[in-house]
Amino acid sequence: ISAQQKQQFEATFFSLLRVFNDLVTGIDLRKGSNSKEVIAQGRDAFTSFVREFEHSRNFKSAIMDERSMPRSFSVLEDYEDFYKKHKSDLGHYFRTLYNLFKYLDGANVKDKRVYANLIRAQLSDDEVYILFLNGLNERGREKFKRYLERYSVLKNVDLESKFVQYAIEDAAKLGLAYAPSAFS
């Protein structure tokens, strides 16, 4: 690859990264669908997403009943309901991030891992957690999962988390487990 080609790649790459970060900054969660009151904005919205998802009735009851009865809910099914509720923010987010990885993956540059690490460095732990769930979902696993695995995007997922363990169990039952490279 020539110096000019690398420069052109990097200009586009960093422009796409800027677009992604601008998109994240623009996410805002409101109290109600017609409310003007913002609950969380930008990356803080992902903290709210995770908190909402993990404090669902199903998850709380599963933790409390874990010793006495088998788990009766699917993390992946719950995620589908969650995604539908937040589709307007999350859909755009996932598509933009997917296209950033797709651009990197198709580029004729050396050291793609360096650029992937720059993308990963932009992601909060809560974003990575939501990406983890999305990659197991029908929409995410079809195309995006391979990038999560190839570029170790899930490196910061807390594998000790009960919720993550439940999601991994559900995925394994369906034959959807991540390759170890996703976490390394």
Protein backbone atom coordinates (compact mmCIF):
# COMPACT_ATOMS: atom_id res chain seq x y z
CA ILE A 1 0.00 0.00 0.00
CA SER A 2 1.39 3.39 -0.95
CA ALA A 3 1.70 6.29 1.44
CA GLN A 4 -1.03 8.11 -0.46
CA GLN A 5 -3.41 5.12 -0.20
CA LYS A 6 -2.72 4.82 3.52
CA GLN A 7 -3.36 8.54 3.97
CA GLN A 8 -6.64 8.26 2.07
CA PHE A 9 -7.68 5.22 4.13
CA GLU A 10 -6.87 7.00 7.38
CA ALA A 11 -8.72 10.17 6.38
CA THR A 12 -11.86 8.13 5.66
CA PHE A 13 -11.39 5.91 8.71
CA PHE A 14 -11.05 8.82 11.13
CA SER A 15 -13.93 10.62 9.46
CA LEU A 16 -16.13 7.53 9.99
CA LEU A 17 -14.92 7.27 13.58
CA ARG A 18 -15.89 10.91 14.12
CA VAL A 19 -19.35 10.25 12.65
CA PHE A 20 -19.73 7.30 15.02
CA ASN A 21 -18.73 9.38 18.05
CA ASP A 22 -21.07 12.19 16.99
CA LEU A 23 -23.88 9.66 16.74
CA VAL A 24 -23.17 8.38 20.25
CA THR A 25 -23.09 11.93 21.60
CA GLY A 26 -26.48 12.55 20.02
CA ILE A 27 -28.22 9.63 21.74
CA ASP A 28 -30.61 10.82 24.42
CA LEU A 29 -33.03 8.86 26.55
CA ARG A 30 -36.18 10.67 27.56
CA LYS A 31 -38.55 10.02 30.42
CA GLY A 32 -41.41 9.17 28.07
CA SER A 33 -41.95 8.96 24.33
CA ASN A 34 -43.25 12.54 24.15
CA SER A 35 -41.21 13.95 27.02
CA LYS A 36 -38.65 16.69 26.66
CA GLU A 37 -36.95 15.61 29.89
CA VAL A 38 -33.64 13.89 29.09
CA ILE A 39 -32.71 11.07 31.49
CA ALA A 40 -29.34 10.19 29.96
CA GLN A 41 -27.31 11.36 27.01
CA GLY A 42 -24.38 10.08 24.97
CA ARG A 43 -22.40 7.22 26.47
CA ASP A 44 -24.36 7.60 29.71
CA ALA A 45 -27.39 6.32 27.77
CA PHE A 46 -25.66 2.94 27.54
CA THR A 47 -25.30 2.83 31.32
CA SER A 48 -29.05 3.41 31.49
CA PHE A 49 -29.65 0.74 28.84
CA VAL A 50 -27.64 -1.83 30.83
CA ARG A 51 -29.27 -0.84 34.12
CA GLU A 52 -32.74 -1.15 32.58
CA PHE A 53 -31.94 -4.48 30.97
CA GLU A 54 -30.36 -6.03 34.06
CA HIS A 55 -33.11 -4.79 36.36
CA SER A 56 -35.83 -6.44 34.38
CA ARG A 57 -38.29 -8.45 36.39
CA ASN A 58 -37.15 -11.71 34.76
CA PHE A 59 -33.51 -11.26 35.67
CA LYS A 60 -34.18 -10.22 39.28
CA SER A 61 -36.48 -13.17 39.88
CA ALA A 62 -34.00 -15.59 38.28
CA ILE A 63 -31.24 -14.48 40.65
CA MET A 64 -33.52 -14.82 43.66
CA ASP A 65 -34.83 -18.24 42.55
CA GLU A 66 -31.52 -19.58 41.26
CA ARG A 67 -30.97 -22.03 44.13
CA SER A 68 -34.51 -23.34 44.29
CA MET A 69 -35.65 -23.60 40.68
CA PRO A 70 -34.29 -23.63 37.13
CA ARG A 71 -34.09 -20.40 35.24
CA SER A 72 -37.26 -19.80 33.28
CA PHE A 73 -36.31 -16.97 30.95
CA SER A 74 -34.03 -16.45 28.01
CA VAL A 75 -31.62 -13.53 28.01
CA LEU A 76 -31.72 -13.56 24.23
CA GLU A 77 -35.52 -13.34 24.13
CA ASP A 78 -35.47 -10.54 26.69
CA TYR A 79 -32.87 -8.73 24.60
CA GLU A 80 -35.14 -8.89 21.55
CA ASP A 81 -37.89 -7.10 23.51
CA PHE A 82 -35.36 -4.60 24.83
CA TYR A 83 -34.01 -3.93 21.33
CA LYS A 84 -37.48 -3.29 19.95
CA LYS A 85 -38.08 -0.74 22.68
CA HIS A 86 -34.82 1.14 21.92
CA LYS A 87 -34.57 0.41 18.21
CA SER A 88 -34.48 4.07 17.18
CA ASP A 89 -31.23 4.65 19.08
CA LEU A 90 -29.63 1.23 18.94
CA GLY A 91 -30.37 0.38 15.30
CA HIS A 92 -28.56 3.46 14.01
CA TYR A 93 -25.72 2.89 16.48
CA PHE A 94 -25.17 -0.74 15.43
CA ARG A 95 -25.38 -0.01 11.71
CA THR A 96 -22.84 2.80 11.96
CA LEU A 97 -20.39 0.77 14.05
CA TYR A 98 -20.86 -2.24 11.76
CA ASN A 99 -20.00 -0.14 8.70
CA LEU A 100 -16.92 1.24 10.43
CA PHE A 101 -15.65 -2.31 11.02
CA LYS A 102 -16.70 -3.34 7.52
CA TYR A 103 -14.68 -0.46 6.05
CA LEU A 104 -11.64 -1.47 8.11
CA ASP A 105 -12.00 -5.13 7.25
CA GLY A 106 -12.18 -4.47 3.51
CA ALA A 107 -9.27 -2.03 3.48
CA ASN A 108 -5.90 -2.93 2.04
CA VAL A 109 -3.86 -1.83 5.05
CA LYS A 110 -1.44 -3.57 7.35
CA ASP A 111 -2.00 -3.74 11.08
CA LYS A 112 -5.80 -3.68 10.96
CA ARG A 113 -5.68 -4.61 14.64
CA VAL A 114 -4.25 -1.16 15.45
CA TYR A 115 -7.25 0.52 13.84
CA ALA A 116 -9.66 -1.94 15.43
CA ASN A 117 -8.12 -1.12 18.81
CA LEU A 118 -8.78 2.57 18.14
CA ILE A 119 -12.44 1.77 17.52
CA ARG A 120 -12.59 -0.45 20.60
CA ALA A 121 -10.99 2.29 22.69
CA GLN A 122 -13.98 4.51 21.88
CA LEU A 123 -16.42 2.02 23.41
CA SER A 124 -17.47 2.16 27.04
CA ASP A 125 -17.84 -1.11 28.96
CA ASP A 126 -21.62 -0.68 28.81
CA GLU A 127 -21.50 -0.30 25.02
CA VAL A 128 -19.44 -3.48 24.76
CA TYR A 129 -21.98 -5.26 26.96
CA ILE A 130 -24.83 -4.23 24.64
CA LEU A 131 -22.70 -5.25 21.63
CA PHE A 132 -22.17 -8.64 23.28
CA LEU A 133 -25.93 -9.15 23.50
CA ASN A 134 -26.57 -7.81 20.01
CA GLY A 135 -24.00 -10.14 18.47
CA LEU A 136 -26.02 -13.10 19.76
CA ASN A 137 -29.25 -11.64 18.42
CA GLU A 138 -30.46 -12.57 14.95
CA ARG A 139 -29.66 -9.11 13.55
CA GLY A 140 -26.15 -8.93 15.00
CA ARG A 141 -24.95 -12.47 14.57
CA GLU A 142 -25.69 -12.56 10.87
CA LYS A 143 -23.03 -10.01 9.90
CA PHE A 144 -21.59 -8.19 12.89
CA LYS A 145 -20.59 -11.15 15.06
CA ARG A 146 -17.66 -12.00 12.80
CA TYR A 147 -16.15 -8.55 13.39
CA LEU A 148 -16.71 -8.81 17.14
CA GLU A 149 -14.75 -12.07 17.04
CA ARG A 150 -12.08 -11.09 14.50
CA TYR A 151 -11.18 -7.82 16.26
CA SER A 152 -11.66 -8.93 19.90
CA VAL A 153 -14.29 -6.25 20.45
CA LEU A 154 -15.72 -8.02 23.50
CA LYS A 155 -12.42 -8.02 25.37
CA ASN A 156 -13.86 -5.92 28.21
CA VAL A 157 -17.02 -7.98 28.79
CA ASP A 158 -17.22 -9.12 32.41
CA LEU A 159 -17.39 -12.88 31.92
CA GLU A 160 -18.00 -13.30 35.67
CA SER A 161 -21.28 -11.39 35.48
CA LYS A 162 -24.29 -13.63 36.15
CA PHE A 163 -26.13 -12.00 33.31
CA VAL A 164 -23.30 -12.62 30.84
CA GLN A 165 -23.08 -16.22 32.03
CA TYR A 166 -26.82 -16.64 31.42
CA ALA A 167 -26.47 -15.17 27.92
CA ILE A 168 -23.55 -17.48 27.15
CA GLU A 169 -25.58 -20.49 28.37
CA ASP A 170 -28.55 -19.47 26.20
CA ALA A 171 -26.29 -18.97 23.18
CA ALA A 172 -24.60 -22.34 23.70
CA LYS A 173 -27.99 -24.10 23.80
CA LEU A 174 -28.75 -22.57 20.41
CA GLY A 175 -25.28 -23.22 18.97
CA LEU A 176 -24.49 -19.49 18.83
CA ALA A 177 -21.47 -19.24 21.12
CA TYR A 178 -18.78 -16.67 20.41
CA ALA A 179 -15.35 -17.78 19.31
CA PRO A 180 -12.78 -17.26 22.12
CA SER A 181 -11.12 -14.59 19.93
CA ALA A 182 -14.02 -12.22 20.67
CA PHE A 183 -12.79 -11.94 24.27
CA SER A 184 -9.00 -11.99 23.81
